[in-house]
Protein backbone atom coordinates (compact mmCIF):
# COMPACT_ATOMS: atom_id res chain seq x y z
CA MET A 1 -29.07 -32.72 22.50
CA ALA A 2 -26.81 -30.21 23.87
CA VAL A 3 -24.39 -29.15 21.45
CA SER A 4 -21.22 -28.28 22.78
CA PRO A 5 -19.77 -24.58 22.21
CA PRO A 6 -17.23 -24.11 19.59
CA ARG A 7 -14.08 -24.52 21.11
CA LEU A 8 -11.12 -21.32 20.20
CA GLY A 9 -7.72 -20.53 20.96
CA LEU A 10 -6.75 -16.98 20.96
CA ILE A 11 -3.09 -16.44 20.91
CA ALA A 12 -3.21 -12.49 21.88
CA GLY A 13 0.22 -10.35 21.31
CA SER A 14 -0.05 -6.81 22.69
CA GLY A 15 -2.77 -3.89 21.75
CA GLN A 16 -6.90 -4.03 22.73
CA PHE A 17 -7.76 -6.30 19.41
CA PRO A 18 -7.23 -9.33 21.31
CA LEU A 19 -9.83 -7.63 24.05
CA LEU A 20 -12.54 -7.54 20.51
CA VAL A 21 -12.02 -10.88 19.14
CA ALA A 22 -12.56 -12.14 23.12
CA GLU A 23 -14.91 -10.10 23.68
CA GLY A 24 -16.73 -11.14 20.54
CA ALA A 25 -16.09 -14.49 20.96
CA LYS A 26 -17.36 -14.74 23.70
CA ARG A 27 -20.70 -13.53 22.59
CA ALA A 28 -20.51 -16.18 19.84
CA GLY A 29 -20.95 -18.51 22.63
CA CYS A 30 -17.35 -19.99 22.18
CA HIS A 31 -15.17 -22.29 24.63
CA LEU A 32 -12.51 -19.30 24.78
CA THR A 33 -8.69 -20.72 25.63
CA ILE A 34 -6.01 -17.76 25.61
CA VAL A 35 -2.82 -17.81 25.57
CA GLY A 36 -1.29 -14.09 26.40
CA LEU A 37 1.26 -13.61 24.73
CA SER A 38 4.14 -12.96 27.92
CA GLY A 39 5.32 -8.95 28.26
CA LEU A 40 2.74 -8.23 25.27
CA ALA A 41 -0.57 -9.08 25.71
CA ASP A 42 -2.64 -7.26 28.28
CA ALA A 43 -4.21 -9.24 31.47
CA ALA A 44 -7.35 -8.32 31.32
CA LEU A 45 -7.78 -10.65 28.95
CA ALA A 46 -7.71 -13.02 31.84
CA GLY A 47 -11.17 -11.72 32.42
CA GLN A 48 -12.52 -12.84 29.20
CA ALA A 49 -11.54 -16.37 28.62
CA ASP A 50 -12.87 -19.96 30.08
CA ILE A 51 -8.52 -20.78 30.11
CA PHE A 52 -5.96 -18.45 30.10
CA ARG A 53 -2.11 -19.04 30.33
CA TRP A 54 0.83 -17.54 29.23
CA ALA A 55 3.33 -18.42 27.32
CA GLY A 56 6.71 -16.79 25.81
CA LEU A 57 6.80 -15.32 22.18
CA ALA A 58 8.55 -18.00 20.78
CA ARG A 59 6.85 -21.18 22.27
CA LEU A 60 5.01 -22.69 19.55
CA GLY A 61 4.72 -26.04 20.36
CA ARG A 62 3.44 -25.24 23.76
CA TRP A 63 0.90 -23.00 22.37
CA ILE A 64 -0.50 -26.12 20.64
CA ARG A 65 -0.43 -28.06 23.75
CA ILE A 66 -2.38 -25.99 25.78
CA LEU A 67 -5.18 -25.59 22.98
CA LYS A 68 -5.29 -29.16 22.50
CA ARG A 69 -5.02 -29.89 26.20
CA ASN A 70 -7.77 -27.78 26.62
CA GLY A 71 -9.55 -28.96 22.95
CA ALA A 72 -9.14 -26.10 20.76
CA THR A 73 -9.90 -27.11 17.10
CA ALA A 74 -9.19 -23.66 16.24
CA VAL A 75 -7.15 -20.42 17.17
CA ILE A 76 -7.07 -16.92 16.51
CA LEU A 77 -3.65 -14.46 16.30
CA ALA A 78 -4.49 -11.06 17.12
CA GLY A 79 -2.47 -8.64 18.58
CA ALA A 80 0.38 -6.95 17.63
CA VAL A 81 3.90 -8.70 17.95
CA ARG A 82 7.14 -6.45 17.21
CA LYS A 83 8.89 -8.32 14.57
CA THR A 84 11.99 -6.36 15.85
CA SER A 85 12.54 -8.53 19.29
CA MET A 86 13.53 -11.39 16.35
CA TYR A 87 16.54 -9.87 15.90
CA GLY A 88 19.86 -8.65 17.71
CA ARG A 89 22.52 -9.37 19.63
CA TRP A 90 21.33 -12.65 22.30
CA ARG A 91 18.10 -13.04 20.94
CA LEU A 92 18.06 -16.82 21.06
CA LEU A 93 18.83 -16.38 25.31
CA ARG A 94 15.94 -13.71 25.12
CA ASN A 95 13.17 -15.62 23.16
CA LEU A 96 14.55 -18.96 24.60
CA PRO A 97 12.58 -20.85 21.73
CA ASP A 98 10.97 -23.98 22.02
CA TRP A 99 11.76 -27.14 20.17
CA THR A 100 8.69 -26.55 17.66
CA SER A 101 9.96 -22.66 17.31
CA PHE A 102 13.00 -23.19 16.39
CA ARG A 103 12.90 -26.14 13.53
CA LEU A 104 10.27 -23.43 12.18
CA TRP A 105 13.16 -20.05 12.33
CA PHE A 106 15.62 -22.07 11.14
CA PHE A 107 14.84 -24.78 8.88
CA ARG A 108 11.72 -24.81 7.46
CA LEU A 109 11.45 -21.13 6.29
CA ARG A 110 12.63 -20.33 3.02
CA ASP A 111 12.35 -15.86 4.45
CA LYS A 112 11.64 -14.44 6.79
CA ARG A 113 8.84 -12.50 5.16
CA ASN A 114 5.74 -11.40 7.75
CA ASP A 115 3.54 -14.62 5.04
CA THR A 116 6.31 -16.91 5.13
CA VAL A 117 6.48 -16.70 8.79
CA LEU A 118 3.00 -16.63 9.37
CA ALA A 119 2.05 -19.61 7.50
CA ALA A 120 3.88 -21.65 8.04
CA VAL A 121 2.56 -21.17 12.14
CA ALA A 122 -0.92 -21.79 10.13
CA ASP A 123 0.60 -25.01 8.75
CA GLU A 124 1.33 -25.90 12.27
CA PHE A 125 -0.88 -25.59 14.14
CA ALA A 126 -3.07 -27.42 11.31
CA ARG A 127 -0.66 -30.37 12.02
CA HIS A 128 -1.93 -30.89 15.14
CA GLY A 129 -5.78 -30.44 13.95
CA ILE A 130 -6.33 -27.15 14.86
CA ILE A 131 -7.19 -24.25 12.15
CA MET A 132 -6.53 -20.76 12.13
CA GLN A 133 -9.31 -19.04 11.50
CA ASP A 134 -9.40 -15.51 9.71
CA CYS A 135 -8.68 -12.71 13.32
CA VAL A 136 -11.69 -10.66 12.42
CA THR A 137 -14.18 -13.25 12.32
CA TYR A 138 -15.72 -12.67 16.06
CA SER A 139 -15.24 -9.07 15.16
CA SER A 140 -16.13 -8.17 12.04
CA GLU A 141 -18.19 -4.62 13.36
CA HIS A 142 -15.06 -2.96 13.38
CA LEU A 143 -13.84 -2.85 10.40
CA ALA A 144 -13.81 0.54 8.75
CA PRO A 145 -16.78 1.36 6.31
CA GLU A 146 -16.36 2.86 3.29
CA GLY A 147 -16.10 7.27 2.86
CA VAL A 148 -14.58 9.71 4.41
CA LEU A 149 -15.28 9.13 8.16
CA THR A 150 -14.40 12.66 9.51
CA ARG A 151 -16.28 15.73 9.52
CA GLY A 152 -13.22 17.72 7.76
CA GLN A 153 -13.11 16.49 3.67
CA PRO A 154 -10.06 15.86 1.83
CA SER A 155 -8.72 18.74 -0.50
CA ALA A 156 -7.62 18.66 -4.21
CA SER A 157 -4.19 17.59 -3.25
CA GLN A 158 -4.95 15.15 -0.64
CA LEU A 159 -7.14 13.40 -3.04
CA ALA A 160 -3.88 12.92 -5.18
CA ASP A 161 -1.71 12.53 -2.40
CA ALA A 162 -3.87 9.12 -1.52
CA GLU A 163 -4.25 7.70 -5.40
CA PHE A 164 -0.50 8.39 -5.07
CA GLY A 165 0.48 6.80 -2.09
CA TRP A 166 -2.40 3.62 -2.63
CA ARG A 167 -0.12 2.42 -5.70
CA MET A 168 2.51 2.84 -3.63
CA ALA A 169 0.96 1.37 0.28
CA LYS A 170 -0.49 -1.78 -1.92
CA GLU A 171 3.13 -2.53 -4.15
CA LEU A 172 4.84 -2.42 -0.65
CA GLY A 173 2.56 -5.10 0.76
CA ARG A 174 2.76 -7.13 -2.80
CA LEU A 175 5.83 -7.41 -1.58
CA ASP A 176 5.65 -8.08 1.34
CA ILE A 177 7.58 -5.57 3.30
CA GLY A 178 4.82 -3.70 4.65
CA GLN A 179 1.36 -2.17 4.37
CA SER A 180 1.91 2.13 5.29
CA VAL A 181 3.38 4.92 3.49
CA ALA A 182 3.59 7.94 4.28
CA VAL A 183 3.36 10.72 0.88
CA LYS A 184 3.49 14.67 0.75
CA GLU A 185 2.91 16.32 -2.93
CA THR A 186 3.43 12.91 -4.38
CA GLU A 187 5.87 12.48 -3.34
CA VAL A 188 7.18 9.73 -1.19
CA VAL A 189 8.41 10.72 1.70
CA ALA A 190 8.80 7.25 4.02
CA VAL A 191 7.75 3.25 4.16
CA GLU A 192 6.82 1.52 6.38
CA ALA A 193 9.35 -1.94 7.00
CA ILE A 194 10.42 -4.45 10.05
CA GLU A 195 10.45 -1.05 12.55
CA GLY A 196 6.93 -0.98 12.25
CA THR A 197 3.61 2.19 11.82
CA ASP A 198 5.12 3.95 14.63
CA ARG A 199 8.08 4.59 13.87
CA MET A 200 7.20 5.65 10.15
CA ILE A 201 5.03 7.76 11.30
CA GLU A 202 8.22 9.20 13.85
CA ARG A 203 10.34 9.33 10.15
CA ALA A 204 8.20 10.88 7.96
CA GLY A 205 7.12 14.38 10.39
CA GLN A 206 11.10 14.56 11.08
CA LEU A 207 11.86 14.89 7.07
CA CYS A 208 8.44 16.30 6.61
CA PRO A 209 9.44 19.92 9.83
CA ARG A 210 6.51 21.84 8.33
CA GLY A 211 3.78 19.29 8.41
CA GLY A 212 0.64 18.32 6.02
CA TRP A 213 1.47 14.86 5.02
CA THR A 214 -0.32 11.95 4.41
CA MET A 215 0.26 8.27 5.59
CA VAL A 216 -2.08 5.28 3.45
CA LYS A 217 -2.48 2.07 5.01
CA VAL A 218 -4.07 -0.47 3.26
CA ALA A 219 -4.20 -4.55 3.76
CA LYS A 220 -2.09 -6.68 1.04
CA PRO A 221 -3.59 -6.94 -2.62
CA ASN A 222 -3.89 -10.50 -1.89
CA GLN A 223 -4.72 -10.38 2.11
CA ASP A 224 -5.45 -13.50 4.44
CA MET A 225 -7.44 -12.43 6.87
CA ARG A 226 -5.57 -14.69 9.39
CA PHE A 227 -2.96 -12.69 10.17
CA ASP A 228 -1.71 -9.14 9.89
CA VAL A 229 -4.68 -7.32 9.21
CA PRO A 230 -4.13 -3.00 9.45
CA THR A 231 -5.33 -2.23 12.22
CA VAL A 232 -5.93 2.24 13.52
CA GLY A 233 -7.22 3.61 16.55
CA PRO A 234 -6.73 6.69 19.01
CA GLU A 235 -2.75 5.79 19.07
CA THR A 236 -2.71 6.01 15.77
CA ILE A 237 -4.06 9.60 15.86
CA ALA A 238 -2.37 11.22 18.27
CA ASN A 239 1.20 10.01 16.55
CA LEU A 240 0.08 10.94 13.36
CA ALA A 241 -0.48 14.96 14.62
CA CYS A 242 2.36 14.85 16.79
CA HIS A 243 4.55 14.63 13.53
CA GLY A 244 1.87 17.14 11.10
CA ALA A 245 0.00 15.36 9.58
CA ARG A 246 -3.02 15.59 8.06
CA MET A 247 -4.66 13.10 6.59
CA LEU A 248 -5.01 9.30 6.55
CA VAL A 249 -6.10 6.88 3.85
CA ILE A 250 -7.53 3.54 5.13
CA GLU A 251 -9.06 0.51 3.10
CA ALA A 252 -12.64 0.17 3.86
CA GLY A 253 -13.90 -3.66 4.86
CA LYS A 254 -9.87 -4.90 5.11
CA THR A 255 -9.05 -2.42 8.60
CA VAL A 256 -9.83 -2.98 11.94
CA ILE A 257 -11.32 0.77 13.90
CA LEU A 258 -10.32 0.40 17.49
CA GLU A 259 -12.21 3.01 19.46
CA ARG A 260 -14.56 4.24 16.45
CA GLU A 261 -16.04 6.90 18.32
CA LYS A 262 -12.84 8.15 20.37
CA MET A 263 -10.49 8.08 17.16
CA LEU A 264 -13.24 9.52 14.73
CA ALA A 265 -13.00 12.71 17.97
CA ASP A 266 -9.62 12.92 17.87
CA ALA A 267 -9.40 13.66 14.12
CA ASP A 268 -11.36 16.51 14.09
CA ARG A 269 -9.75 17.96 17.03
CA ALA A 270 -6.31 17.49 15.55
CA GLY A 271 -7.60 19.06 11.69
CA ILE A 272 -6.81 14.84 10.37
CA VAL A 273 -8.64 13.43 6.89
CA ILE A 274 -9.70 10.20 7.38
CA LEU A 275 -10.51 8.79 4.28
CA SER A 276 -11.70 5.05 3.82
CA ARG A 277 -11.68 4.19 0.45
CA SER A 278 -12.16 0.77 -1.51
CA PRO A 279 -9.89 -0.42 -4.15
CA MET A 280 -10.18 1.01 -7.38
């Protein structure tokens, strides 16, 4: 008797990570329904999908209807979404939330922190028989291994900054504020909040015009691997190099690396050390 393939849904934001998830899911034999978030997702995802549909960022009800219509019993959220788009003038008109999203955002959330919002989204999926899976279920090969990943090795002062920044970043993560911190000479230069990592890197560069600072990007202490997993790639290195960073510290086994070979080659050319470490 033939066994039906797993029927998986993918809600895709921006960046390359949704493509990696889709490729992994198809290799695993899944029937894949992809909901691409309008203005964010890469149109190339359609080539990986059995079913592909576009939907707005604040159209949770439509996401659920599409997945249920196509028999999905599990879903993965992957890709970046700028939370700043949820705020500002005319946000309701710009995002046009459906009733499911409106009810969740304004009536069901005790606060608007990432974990609170995404846990509520997961609960809404579960109410309809769709279980949210870890976002690396089909892409675990892209998680960072432990060790110094570049040819360049960290100096004693960089290791001190890495240790100091690790503690600061973990505390930010515990409070669900952000996952990255910029440090220099065991002093916090900038922290990540709602504006995102790239803007924090720019600010750190402005505050350290002579460069030489370190960015530490970690998972939260009790990281829910269903969402908000730290991700780095060649664009991260380009931004760090542009703004004077000389070291990137990430968490082994909890950080997704996009285009690993290119990222490491770019880091070596830019003189940026990459240290991937596990919690001490």
